[in-house]
Amino acid sequence: MSLARLEQLGAITAPLIVGSGPALTMTGGHGSAGIAREVDGPDEVRRATRQLLKAGATAIKVMATGGVTSRDGEQPDQVQLSVAEMAAAVAEAHHRNVPVAAHAQGNQGIKNAILAGVDSIEHAIFLDDEAIEQLLAADIAVVPTFGAPHAIDQNPEAVPAWMYQKNKAVIASHQQSIARAISAGVRLVMGTDAGTSFNDFRHGSTQELVYMVAAGQTPAEALLSATQYAAELLRVADKVGSITVGKQADFIIVTANPLTDITVLTGQKTVYRKGQAVN
């Protein structure tokens, strides 16, 4: 959130940052070792959400399930924050028109997050038909973050064996779940989960689009997922997300047409931020 303020003031050149601060997790839950704040019960979640909003958060993240990168016996299908706990965060955030993202990998945790009214499901590794129908009915976006498990899978000697094995067990289900969601018409938004093992900020976004097309999106849909749909989800579509009069001139120039070959985006490009070339 501090970087977001510096960018808004023009003190640094950076992408538009929609900052959440630490995620909210149950005691001992996913991320509790460092990247999340432990909360138990709706009242604690409500207070923590209000404190994050006071500090300048323009998004809130909650942990609905376990995950791949935490040890201590945690599994992606473990249910963590309850429906009532997540709903408390959603209510407070939505009072301020702030979106709520749920880290949700296991099927029941995904359904709990949907019932709580979150705005996006991050990862969505295990989806069944009922969950997909619920996503469609509630118009909740899915952010697949294919890059995170692929990065672990591609570096077996450099990650802990327990992490590699957990990741190996979910990577095929992840691909199948998102492919079925795409076929059903679930709205996807591009995100990378950058910061996880070997999942960097420099190349992750363009590679993520390649993975999304491989899962069944058209190049046009993938580009919308990274631009217009992302801006709408994060409540910044009045500023960015399309090349429109009155919005910030954030765009890239590439050497070929990504609508016919999405991998063009992984190559040479010129990036413009607020109308100024930054590379």
C-alpha atoms as a PDB file:
ATOM      1  CA  MET A   1       0.000   0.000   0.000  1.00  0.00           C
ATOM      2  CA  SER A   2       2.963   2.302   0.582  1.00  0.00           C
ATOM      3  CA  LEU A   3       4.170   1.710  -2.975  1.00  0.00           C
ATOM      4  CA  ALA A   4       0.666   2.450  -4.244  1.00  0.00           C
ATOM      5  CA  ARG A   5       0.706   5.828  -2.502  1.00  0.00           C
ATOM      6  CA  LEU A   6       4.164   6.652  -3.875  1.00  0.00           C
ATOM      7  CA  GLU A   7       3.004   5.775  -7.400  1.00  0.00           C
ATOM      8  CA  GLN A   8      -0.096   7.940  -7.022  1.00  0.00           C
ATOM      9  CA  LEU A   9       2.077  10.853  -5.915  1.00  0.00           C
ATOM     10  CA  GLY A  10       4.392  10.385  -8.890  1.00  0.00           C
ATOM     11  CA  ALA A  11       7.352   9.674  -6.620  1.00  0.00           C
ATOM     12  CA  ILE A  12       8.091   6.386  -8.391  1.00  0.00           C
ATOM     13  CA  THR A  13       7.449   4.947 -11.839  1.00  0.00           C
ATOM     14  CA  ALA A  14       5.428   1.778 -11.327  1.00  0.00           C
ATOM     15  CA  PRO A  15       2.311   0.009 -12.526  1.00  0.00           C
ATOM     16  CA  LEU A  16      -1.026   0.999 -11.059  1.00  0.00           C
ATOM     17  CA  ILE A  17      -1.091  -0.812  -7.711  1.00  0.00           C
ATOM     18  CA  VAL A  18      -4.313  -1.986  -6.074  1.00  0.00           C
ATOM     19  CA  GLY A  19      -2.938  -2.937  -2.677  1.00  0.00           C
ATOM     20  CA  SER A  20      -4.537  -5.272  -0.144  1.00  0.00           C
ATOM     21  CA  GLY A  21      -1.957  -5.422   2.607  1.00  0.00           C
ATOM     22  CA  PRO A  22      -1.689  -8.779   4.390  1.00  0.00           C
ATOM     23  CA  ALA A  23      -4.288 -11.429   3.568  1.00  0.00           C
ATOM     24  CA  LEU A  24      -6.666 -12.546   6.308  1.00  0.00           C
ATOM     25  CA  THR A  25      -6.271 -16.149   7.453  1.00  0.00           C
ATOM     26  CA  MET A  26      -7.385 -18.287  10.369  1.00  0.00           C
ATOM     27  CA  THR A  27      -4.922 -18.992  13.174  1.00  0.00           C
ATOM     28  CA  GLY A  28      -2.411 -21.403  11.672  1.00  0.00           C
ATOM     29  CA  GLY A  29      -3.974 -21.005   8.243  1.00  0.00           C
ATOM     30  CA  HIS A  30      -2.462 -20.516   4.811  1.00  0.00           C
ATOM     31  CA  GLY A  31       0.074 -17.699   4.875  1.00  0.00           C
ATOM     32  CA  SER A  32       0.137 -17.419   8.654  1.00  0.00           C
ATOM     33  CA  ALA A  33       3.911 -17.903   8.627  1.00  0.00           C
ATOM     34  CA  GLY A  34       4.425 -14.427   7.213  1.00  0.00           C
ATOM     35  CA  ILE A  35       2.205 -13.049   4.450  1.00  0.00           C
ATOM     36  CA  ALA A  36      -1.146 -13.065   6.251  1.00  0.00           C
ATOM     37  CA  ARG A  37      -2.792 -11.761   9.410  1.00  0.00           C
ATOM     38  CA  GLU A  38      -4.411 -14.326  11.701  1.00  0.00           C
ATOM     39  CA  VAL A  39      -8.071 -13.730  12.556  1.00  0.00           C
ATOM     40  CA  ASP A  40     -10.722 -15.963  14.118  1.00  0.00           C
ATOM     41  CA  GLY A  41     -14.450 -15.366  14.048  1.00  0.00           C
ATOM     42  CA  PRO A  42     -16.504 -12.761  12.150  1.00  0.00           C
ATOM     43  CA  ASP A  43     -15.826  -9.992  14.661  1.00  0.00           C
ATOM     44  CA  GLU A  44     -12.044 -10.296  14.336  1.00  0.00           C
ATOM     45  CA  VAL A  45     -12.339 -10.451  10.554  1.00  0.00           C
ATOM     46  CA  ARG A  46     -14.561  -7.372  10.539  1.00  0.00           C
ATOM     47  CA  ARG A  47     -12.134  -5.387  12.706  1.00  0.00           C
ATOM     48  CA  ALA A  48      -9.108  -6.466  10.666  1.00  0.00           C
ATOM     49  CA  THR A  49     -10.843  -5.527   7.416  1.00  0.00           C
ATOM     50  CA  ARG A  50     -11.727  -2.112   8.778  1.00  0.00           C
ATOM     51  CA  GLN A  51      -8.128  -1.593   9.886  1.00  0.00           C
ATOM     52  CA  LEU A  52      -6.829  -2.539   6.436  1.00  0.00           C
ATOM     53  CA  LEU A  53      -9.263  -0.131   4.801  1.00  0.00           C
ATOM     54  CA  LYS A  54      -8.192   2.600   7.234  1.00  0.00           C
ATOM     55  CA  ALA A  55      -4.578   1.955   6.248  1.00  0.00           C
ATOM     56  CA  GLY A  56      -5.431   2.492   2.593  1.00  0.00           C
ATOM     57  CA  ALA A  57      -6.198  -0.973   1.234  1.00  0.00           C
ATOM     58  CA  THR A  58      -8.068  -0.879  -2.058  1.00  0.00           C
ATOM     59  CA  ALA A  59      -8.577  -4.656  -2.150  1.00  0.00           C
ATOM     60  CA  ILE A  60      -8.983  -7.336   0.511  1.00  0.00           C
ATOM     61  CA  LYS A  61      -7.747 -10.926   0.325  1.00  0.00           C
ATOM     62  CA  VAL A  62      -9.035 -13.837   2.417  1.00  0.00           C
ATOM     63  CA  MET A  63      -7.740 -17.391   2.714  1.00  0.00           C
ATOM     64  CA  ALA A  64     -10.573 -19.878   2.164  1.00  0.00           C
ATOM     65  CA  THR A  65      -8.398 -23.013   1.942  1.00  0.00           C
ATOM     66  CA  GLY A  66      -4.951 -24.413   2.455  1.00  0.00           C
ATOM     67  CA  GLY A  67      -2.412 -24.397  -0.321  1.00  0.00           C
ATOM     68  CA  VAL A  68       0.641 -25.902  -1.953  1.00  0.00           C
ATOM     69  CA  THR A  69       3.407 -23.735  -0.524  1.00  0.00           C
ATOM     70  CA  SER A  70       2.667 -24.157   3.203  1.00  0.00           C
ATOM     71  CA  ARG A  71       4.070 -27.229   4.944  1.00  0.00           C
ATOM     72  CA  ASP A  72       2.887 -28.457   8.363  1.00  0.00           C
ATOM     73  CA  GLY A  73       0.464 -30.992   6.870  1.00  0.00           C
ATOM     74  CA  GLU A  74      -1.588 -28.328   5.081  1.00  0.00           C
ATOM     75  CA  GLN A  75      -3.348 -29.446   1.895  1.00  0.00           C
ATOM     76  CA  PRO A  76      -5.063 -27.417  -0.853  1.00  0.00           C
ATOM     77  CA  ASP A  77      -8.453 -28.990  -0.146  1.00  0.00           C
ATOM     78  CA  GLN A  78      -8.512 -28.049   3.546  1.00  0.00           C
ATOM     79  CA  VAL A  79     -11.319 -25.626   4.449  1.00  0.00           C
ATOM     80  CA  GLN A  80     -10.049 -22.675   6.461  1.00  0.00           C
ATOM     81  CA  LEU A  81     -11.944 -19.382   6.939  1.00  0.00           C
ATOM     82  CA  SER A  82     -15.674 -20.030   7.277  1.00  0.00           C
ATOM     83  CA  VAL A  83     -18.488 -18.577   5.198  1.00  0.00           C
ATOM     84  CA  ALA A  84     -19.453 -16.264   8.074  1.00  0.00           C
ATOM     85  CA  GLU A  85     -15.885 -15.050   8.522  1.00  0.00           C
ATOM     86  CA  MET A  86     -15.390 -14.294   4.848  1.00  0.00           C
ATOM     87  CA  ALA A  87     -18.842 -12.699   4.606  1.00  0.00           C
ATOM     88  CA  ALA A  88     -17.828 -10.239   7.335  1.00  0.00           C
ATOM     89  CA  ALA A  89     -14.834  -9.150   5.238  1.00  0.00           C
ATOM     90  CA  VAL A  90     -17.000  -8.885   2.130  1.00  0.00           C
ATOM     91  CA  ALA A  91     -19.603  -6.729   3.883  1.00  0.00           C
ATOM     92  CA  GLU A  92     -17.031  -4.272   5.199  1.00  0.00           C
ATOM     93  CA  ALA A  93     -15.099  -4.079   1.934  1.00  0.00           C
ATOM     94  CA  HIS A  94     -18.203  -3.652  -0.201  1.00  0.00           C
ATOM     95  CA  HIS A  95     -19.350  -0.744   1.974  1.00  0.00           C
ATOM     96  CA  ARG A  96     -16.300   1.037   0.530  1.00  0.00           C
ATOM     97  CA  ASN A  97     -16.649  -0.415  -3.007  1.00  0.00           C
ATOM     98  CA  VAL A  98     -13.505  -2.473  -2.435  1.00  0.00           C
ATOM     99  CA  PRO A  99     -13.237  -5.947  -4.021  1.00  0.00           C
ATOM    100  CA  VAL A 100     -12.496  -9.133  -2.089  1.00  0.00           C
ATOM    101  CA  ALA A 101     -10.353 -11.931  -3.503  1.00  0.00           C
ATOM    102  CA  ALA A 102     -10.369 -15.417  -2.002  1.00  0.00           C
ATOM    103  CA  HIS A 103      -7.405 -17.777  -2.123  1.00  0.00           C
ATOM    104  CA  ALA A 104      -9.454 -20.918  -2.722  1.00  0.00           C
ATOM    105  CA  GLN A 105      -8.018 -24.132  -4.118  1.00  0.00           C
ATOM    106  CA  GLY A 106     -10.192 -26.958  -2.762  1.00  0.00           C
ATOM    107  CA  ASN A 107     -13.752 -27.422  -3.999  1.00  0.00           C
ATOM    108  CA  GLN A 108     -15.596 -26.882  -0.699  1.00  0.00           C
ATOM    109  CA  GLY A 109     -13.540 -23.826   0.139  1.00  0.00           C
ATOM    110  CA  ILE A 110     -14.341 -22.393  -3.294  1.00  0.00           C
ATOM    111  CA  LYS A 111     -18.055 -22.916  -2.647  1.00  0.00           C
ATOM    112  CA  ASN A 112     -17.751 -21.301   0.787  1.00  0.00           C
ATOM    113  CA  ALA A 113     -16.098 -18.240  -0.758  1.00  0.00           C
ATOM    114  CA  ILE A 114     -18.820 -18.010  -3.390  1.00  0.00           C
ATOM    115  CA  LEU A 115     -21.499 -18.153  -0.667  1.00  0.00           C
ATOM    116  CA  ALA A 116     -19.659 -15.423   1.224  1.00  0.00           C
ATOM    117  CA  GLY A 117     -19.981 -13.149  -1.804  1.00  0.00           C
ATOM    118  CA  VAL A 118     -16.349 -12.613  -2.778  1.00  0.00           C
ATOM    119  CA  ASP A 119     -15.522 -10.968  -6.083  1.00  0.00           C
ATOM    120  CA  SER A 120     -12.889 -13.409  -7.327  1.00  0.00           C
ATOM    121  CA  ILE A 121     -11.609 -16.916  -6.707  1.00  0.00           C
ATOM    122  CA  GLU A 122      -7.826 -17.146  -6.901  1.00  0.00           C
ATOM    123  CA  HIS A 123      -6.442 -20.464  -8.227  1.00  0.00           C
ATOM    124  CA  ALA A 124      -9.656 -22.592  -8.342  1.00  0.00           C
ATOM    125  CA  ILE A 125      -7.707 -25.843  -8.617  1.00  0.00           C
ATOM    126  CA  PHE A 126     -10.562 -28.234  -7.833  1.00  0.00           C
ATOM    127  CA  LEU A 127     -13.881 -27.250  -9.427  1.00  0.00           C
ATOM    128  CA  ASP A 128     -16.902 -29.499  -9.816  1.00  0.00           C
ATOM    129  CA  ASP A 129     -19.994 -28.784 -11.928  1.00  0.00           C
ATOM    130  CA  GLU A 130     -21.888 -27.317  -8.974  1.00  0.00           C
ATOM    131  CA  ALA A 131     -19.099 -24.855  -8.203  1.00  0.00           C
ATOM    132  CA  ILE A 132     -18.958 -23.792 -11.842  1.00  0.00           C
ATOM    133  CA  GLU A 133     -22.724 -23.234 -11.863  1.00  0.00           C
ATOM    134  CA  GLN A 134     -22.434 -21.160  -8.687  1.00  0.00           C
ATOM    135  CA  LEU A 135     -19.668 -19.040 -10.193  1.00  0.00           C
ATOM    136  CA  LEU A 136     -21.821 -18.342 -13.241  1.00  0.00           C
ATOM    137  CA  ALA A 137     -24.926 -17.559 -11.196  1.00  0.00           C
ATOM    138  CA  ALA A 138     -23.050 -15.111  -8.968  1.00  0.00           C
ATOM    139  CA  ASP A 139     -20.904 -13.706 -11.813  1.00  0.00           C
ATOM    140  CA  ILE A 140     -17.731 -14.277  -9.816  1.00  0.00           C
ATOM    141  CA  ALA A 141     -14.430 -14.169 -11.659  1.00  0.00           C
ATOM    142  CA  VAL A 142     -11.740 -16.843 -11.517  1.00  0.00           C
ATOM    143  CA  VAL A 143      -8.051 -15.921 -11.510  1.00  0.00           C
ATOM    144  CA  PRO A 144      -6.299 -19.184 -12.447  1.00  0.00           C
ATOM    145  CA  THR A 145      -2.646 -18.234 -11.746  1.00  0.00           C
ATOM    146  CA  PHE A 146      -1.308 -21.090 -13.877  1.00  0.00           C
ATOM    147  CA  GLY A 147       2.186 -19.669 -13.642  1.00  0.00           C
ATOM    148  CA  ALA A 148       2.613 -20.525  -9.960  1.00  0.00           C
ATOM    149  CA  PRO A 149       2.272 -24.327 -10.222  1.00  0.00           C
ATOM    150  CA  HIS A 150       4.074 -24.412 -13.567  1.00  0.00           C
ATOM    151  CA  ALA A 151       7.068 -22.589 -12.074  1.00  0.00           C
ATOM    152  CA  ILE A 152       7.320 -25.126  -9.249  1.00  0.00           C
ATOM    153  CA  ASP A 153       6.922 -28.030 -11.667  1.00  0.00           C
ATOM    154  CA  GLN A 154       9.722 -26.714 -13.857  1.00  0.00           C
ATOM    155  CA  ASN A 155      12.198 -26.448 -10.957  1.00  0.00           C
ATOM    156  CA  PRO A 156      11.996 -29.808  -9.137  1.00  0.00           C
ATOM    157  CA  GLU A 157      15.576 -29.693  -7.844  1.00  0.00           C
ATOM    158  CA  ALA A 158      15.291 -26.179  -6.452  1.00  0.00           C
ATOM    159  CA  VAL A 159      12.130 -26.463  -4.327  1.00  0.00           C
ATOM    160  CA  PRO A 160      11.485 -28.623  -1.246  1.00  0.00           C
ATOM    161  CA  ALA A 161      10.443 -32.178  -2.099  1.00  0.00           C
ATOM    162  CA  TRP A 162       7.194 -31.843  -0.127  1.00  0.00           C
ATOM    163  CA  MET A 163       6.228 -28.740  -2.153  1.00  0.00           C
ATOM    164  CA  TYR A 164       7.040 -30.396  -5.471  1.00  0.00           C
ATOM    165  CA  GLN A 165       4.981 -33.485  -4.591  1.00  0.00           C
ATOM    166  CA  LYS A 166       1.961 -31.480  -3.460  1.00  0.00           C
ATOM    167  CA  ASN A 167       2.185 -29.373  -6.594  1.00  0.00           C
ATOM    168  CA  LYS A 168       2.493 -32.447  -8.826  1.00  0.00           C
ATOM    169  CA  ALA A 169      -0.700 -33.824  -7.312  1.00  0.00           C
ATOM    170  CA  VAL A 170      -2.760 -30.758  -8.230  1.00  0.00           C
ATOM    171  CA  ILE A 171      -1.362 -29.450 -11.518  1.00  0.00           C
ATOM    172  CA  ALA A 172      -3.412 -31.724 -13.805  1.00  0.00           C
ATOM    173  CA  SER A 173      -6.640 -31.067 -11.880  1.00  0.00           C
ATOM    174  CA  HIS A 174      -5.963 -27.356 -12.101  1.00  0.00           C
ATOM    175  CA  GLN A 175      -5.724 -27.447 -15.890  1.00  0.00           C
ATOM    176  CA  GLN A 176      -8.889 -29.544 -16.175  1.00  0.00           C
ATOM    177  CA  SER A 177     -10.878 -27.339 -13.793  1.00  0.00           C
ATOM    178  CA  ILE A 178     -10.064 -24.122 -15.606  1.00  0.00           C
ATOM    179  CA  ALA A 179     -10.677 -25.685 -19.028  1.00  0.00           C
ATOM    180  CA  ARG A 180     -14.166 -26.716 -17.889  1.00  0.00           C
ATOM    181  CA  ALA A 181     -14.790 -23.267 -16.421  1.00  0.00           C
ATOM    182  CA  ILE A 182     -13.811 -21.637 -19.716  1.00  0.00           C
ATOM    183  CA  SER A 183     -16.118 -23.964 -21.656  1.00  0.00           C
ATOM    184  CA  ALA A 184     -18.993 -23.095 -19.318  1.00  0.00           C
ATOM    185  CA  GLY A 185     -18.463 -19.363 -19.762  1.00  0.00           C
ATOM    186  CA  VAL A 186     -16.957 -18.450 -16.390  1.00  0.00           C
ATOM    187  CA  ARG A 187     -15.265 -15.044 -16.535  1.00  0.00           C
ATOM    188  CA  LEU A 188     -11.496 -15.317 -16.187  1.00  0.00           C
ATOM    189  CA  VAL A 189      -9.154 -12.552 -15.059  1.00  0.00           C
ATOM    190  CA  MET A 190      -5.417 -12.802 -15.585  1.00  0.00           C
ATOM    191  CA  GLY A 191      -3.235 -12.991 -12.493  1.00  0.00           C
ATOM    192  CA  THR A 192       0.097 -14.645 -11.787  1.00  0.00           C
ATOM    193  CA  ASP A 193       0.522 -15.122  -8.010  1.00  0.00           C
ATOM    194  CA  ALA A 194       3.977 -13.595  -8.560  1.00  0.00           C
ATOM    195  CA  GLY A 195       6.300 -13.976  -5.623  1.00  0.00           C
ATOM    196  CA  THR A 196       5.827 -17.711  -5.263  1.00  0.00           C
ATOM    197  CA  SER A 197       8.785 -19.950  -6.094  1.00  0.00           C
ATOM    198  CA  PHE A 198      10.434 -19.040  -9.442  1.00  0.00           C
ATOM    199  CA  ASN A 199       7.329 -17.045 -10.388  1.00  0.00           C
ATOM    200  CA  ASP A 200       8.685 -13.577 -11.150  1.00  0.00           C
ATOM    201  CA  PHE A 201       7.122 -10.220 -11.921  1.00  0.00           C
ATOM    202  CA  ARG A 202       9.059  -9.614 -15.131  1.00  0.00           C
ATOM    203  CA  HIS A 203       7.718 -12.333 -17.424  1.00  0.00           C
ATOM    204  CA  GLY A 204       4.818 -13.869 -15.532  1.00  0.00           C
ATOM    205  CA  SER A 205       1.931 -11.897 -16.971  1.00  0.00           C
ATOM    206  CA  THR A 206       2.644 -12.599 -20.625  1.00  0.00           C
ATOM    207  CA  GLN A 207       3.401 -16.256 -19.956  1.00  0.00           C
ATOM    208  CA  GLU A 208       0.145 -16.518 -18.005  1.00  0.00           C
ATOM    209  CA  LEU A 209      -1.769 -15.480 -21.114  1.00  0.00           C
ATOM    210  CA  VAL A 210      -0.107 -18.297 -23.044  1.00  0.00           C
ATOM    211  CA  TYR A 211      -1.250 -20.776 -20.393  1.00  0.00           C
ATOM    212  CA  MET A 212      -4.795 -19.384 -20.464  1.00  0.00           C
ATOM    213  CA  VAL A 213      -5.034 -19.802 -24.240  1.00  0.00           C
ATOM    214  CA  ALA A 214      -3.678 -23.341 -23.898  1.00  0.00           C
ATOM    215  CA  ALA A 215      -6.508 -24.037 -21.430  1.00  0.00           C
ATOM    216  CA  GLY A 216      -9.144 -22.992 -23.963  1.00  0.00           C
ATOM    217  CA  GLN A 217      -9.455 -19.208 -24.102  1.00  0.00           C
ATOM    218  CA  THR A 218      -9.157 -17.452 -27.428  1.00  0.00           C
ATOM    219  CA  PRO A 219      -6.347 -14.887 -27.658  1.00  0.00           C
ATOM    220  CA  ALA A 220      -8.981 -12.135 -27.680  1.00  0.00           C
ATOM    221  CA  GLU A 221     -10.561 -13.466 -24.480  1.00  0.00           C
ATOM    222  CA  ALA A 222      -7.169 -13.743 -22.818  1.00  0.00           C
ATOM    223  CA  LEU A 223      -6.354 -10.132 -23.685  1.00  0.00           C
ATOM    224  CA  LEU A 224      -9.675  -8.976 -22.242  1.00  0.00           C
ATOM    225  CA  SER A 225      -8.927 -10.995 -19.102  1.00  0.00           C
ATOM    226  CA  ALA A 226      -5.694  -9.038 -18.662  1.00  0.00           C
ATOM    227  CA  THR A 227      -7.140  -5.609 -19.451  1.00  0.00           C
ATOM    228  CA  GLN A 228     -10.839  -4.744 -19.330  1.00  0.00           C
ATOM    229  CA  TYR A 229     -11.975  -7.593 -17.071  1.00  0.00           C
ATOM    230  CA  ALA A 230      -9.095  -7.051 -14.645  1.00  0.00           C
ATOM    231  CA  ALA A 231      -9.830  -3.333 -14.437  1.00  0.00           C
ATOM    232  CA  GLU A 232     -13.514  -3.998 -13.814  1.00  0.00           C
ATOM    233  CA  LEU A 233     -12.776  -6.540 -11.092  1.00  0.00           C
ATOM    234  CA  LEU A 234     -10.406  -4.167  -9.280  1.00  0.00           C
ATOM    235  CA  ARG A 235     -12.780  -1.184  -9.596  1.00  0.00           C
ATOM    236  CA  VAL A 236     -10.320   0.858 -11.669  1.00  0.00           C
ATOM    237  CA  ALA A 237     -12.030   0.656 -15.072  1.00  0.00           C
ATOM    238  CA  ASP A 238     -12.579   4.413 -14.999  1.00  0.00           C
ATOM    239  CA  LYS A 239      -8.783   4.833 -15.219  1.00  0.00           C
ATOM    240  CA  VAL A 240      -7.415   1.837 -17.135  1.00  0.00           C
ATOM    241  CA  GLY A 241      -8.405  -1.338 -18.947  1.00  0.00           C
ATOM    242  CA  SER A 242      -9.048   0.051 -22.404  1.00  0.00           C
ATOM    243  CA  ILE A 243      -7.585   2.657 -24.750  1.00  0.00           C
ATOM    244  CA  THR A 244     -10.311   5.239 -24.318  1.00  0.00           C
ATOM    245  CA  VAL A 245     -10.368   9.038 -24.238  1.00  0.00           C
ATOM    246  CA  GLY A 246     -10.040  10.172 -20.636  1.00  0.00           C
ATOM    247  CA  LYS A 247      -8.257   7.078 -19.357  1.00  0.00           C
ATOM    248  CA  GLN A 248      -4.561   6.681 -18.642  1.00  0.00           C
ATOM    249  CA  ALA A 249      -2.498   5.853 -21.707  1.00  0.00           C
ATOM    250  CA  ASP A 250      -1.200   2.482 -20.491  1.00  0.00           C
ATOM    251  CA  PHE A 251      -0.445   0.190 -23.430  1.00  0.00           C
ATOM    252  CA  ILE A 252       2.190  -1.925 -25.135  1.00  0.00           C
ATOM    253  CA  ILE A 253       3.504  -2.030 -28.689  1.00  0.00           C
ATOM    254  CA  VAL A 254       4.428  -5.450 -30.065  1.00  0.00           C
ATOM    255  CA  THR A 255       5.927  -6.648 -33.331  1.00  0.00           C
ATOM    256  CA  ALA A 256       3.058  -8.885 -34.506  1.00  0.00           C
ATOM    257  CA  ASN A 257      -0.633  -9.557 -33.921  1.00  0.00           C
ATOM    258  CA  PRO A 258      -1.331 -11.334 -30.586  1.00  0.00           C
ATOM    259  CA  LEU A 259      -4.863 -12.126 -31.757  1.00  0.00           C
ATOM    260  CA  THR A 260      -3.381 -14.716 -34.080  1.00  0.00           C
ATOM    261  CA  ASP A 261      -0.412 -15.744 -31.912  1.00  0.00           C
ATOM    262  CA  ILE A 262      -0.586 -14.967 -28.195  1.00  0.00           C
ATOM    263  CA  THR A 263       3.078 -15.903 -27.720  1.00  0.00           C
ATOM    264  CA  VAL A 264       4.010 -12.642 -29.464  1.00  0.00           C
ATOM    265  CA  LEU A 265       3.458 -10.994 -26.080  1.00  0.00           C
ATOM    266  CA  THR A 266       6.335 -12.925 -24.528  1.00  0.00           C
ATOM    267  CA  GLY A 267       8.801 -11.318 -26.956  1.00  0.00           C
ATOM    268  CA  GLN A 268      10.085  -7.812 -27.534  1.00  0.00           C
ATOM    269  CA  LYS A 269       7.656  -5.044 -26.621  1.00  0.00           C
ATOM    270  CA  THR A 270       7.566  -1.361 -25.759  1.00  0.00           C
ATOM    271  CA  VAL A 271       5.643  -0.513 -22.600  1.00  0.00           C
ATOM    272  CA  TYR A 272       3.906   2.822 -22.071  1.00  0.00           C
ATOM    273  CA  ARG A 273       2.696   4.002 -18.671  1.00  0.00           C
ATOM    274  CA  LYS A 274       0.595   7.179 -18.535  1.00  0.00           C
ATOM    275  CA  GLY A 275       1.681   7.946 -22.077  1.00  0.00           C
ATOM    276  CA  GLN A 276       5.398   7.673 -21.396  1.00  0.00           C
ATOM    277  CA  ALA A 277       7.645   4.851 -22.607  1.00  0.00           C
ATOM    278  CA  VAL A 278       9.153   3.051 -19.604  1.00  0.00           C
ATOM    279  CA  ASN A 279      11.449   0.598 -21.405  1.00  0.00           C
END
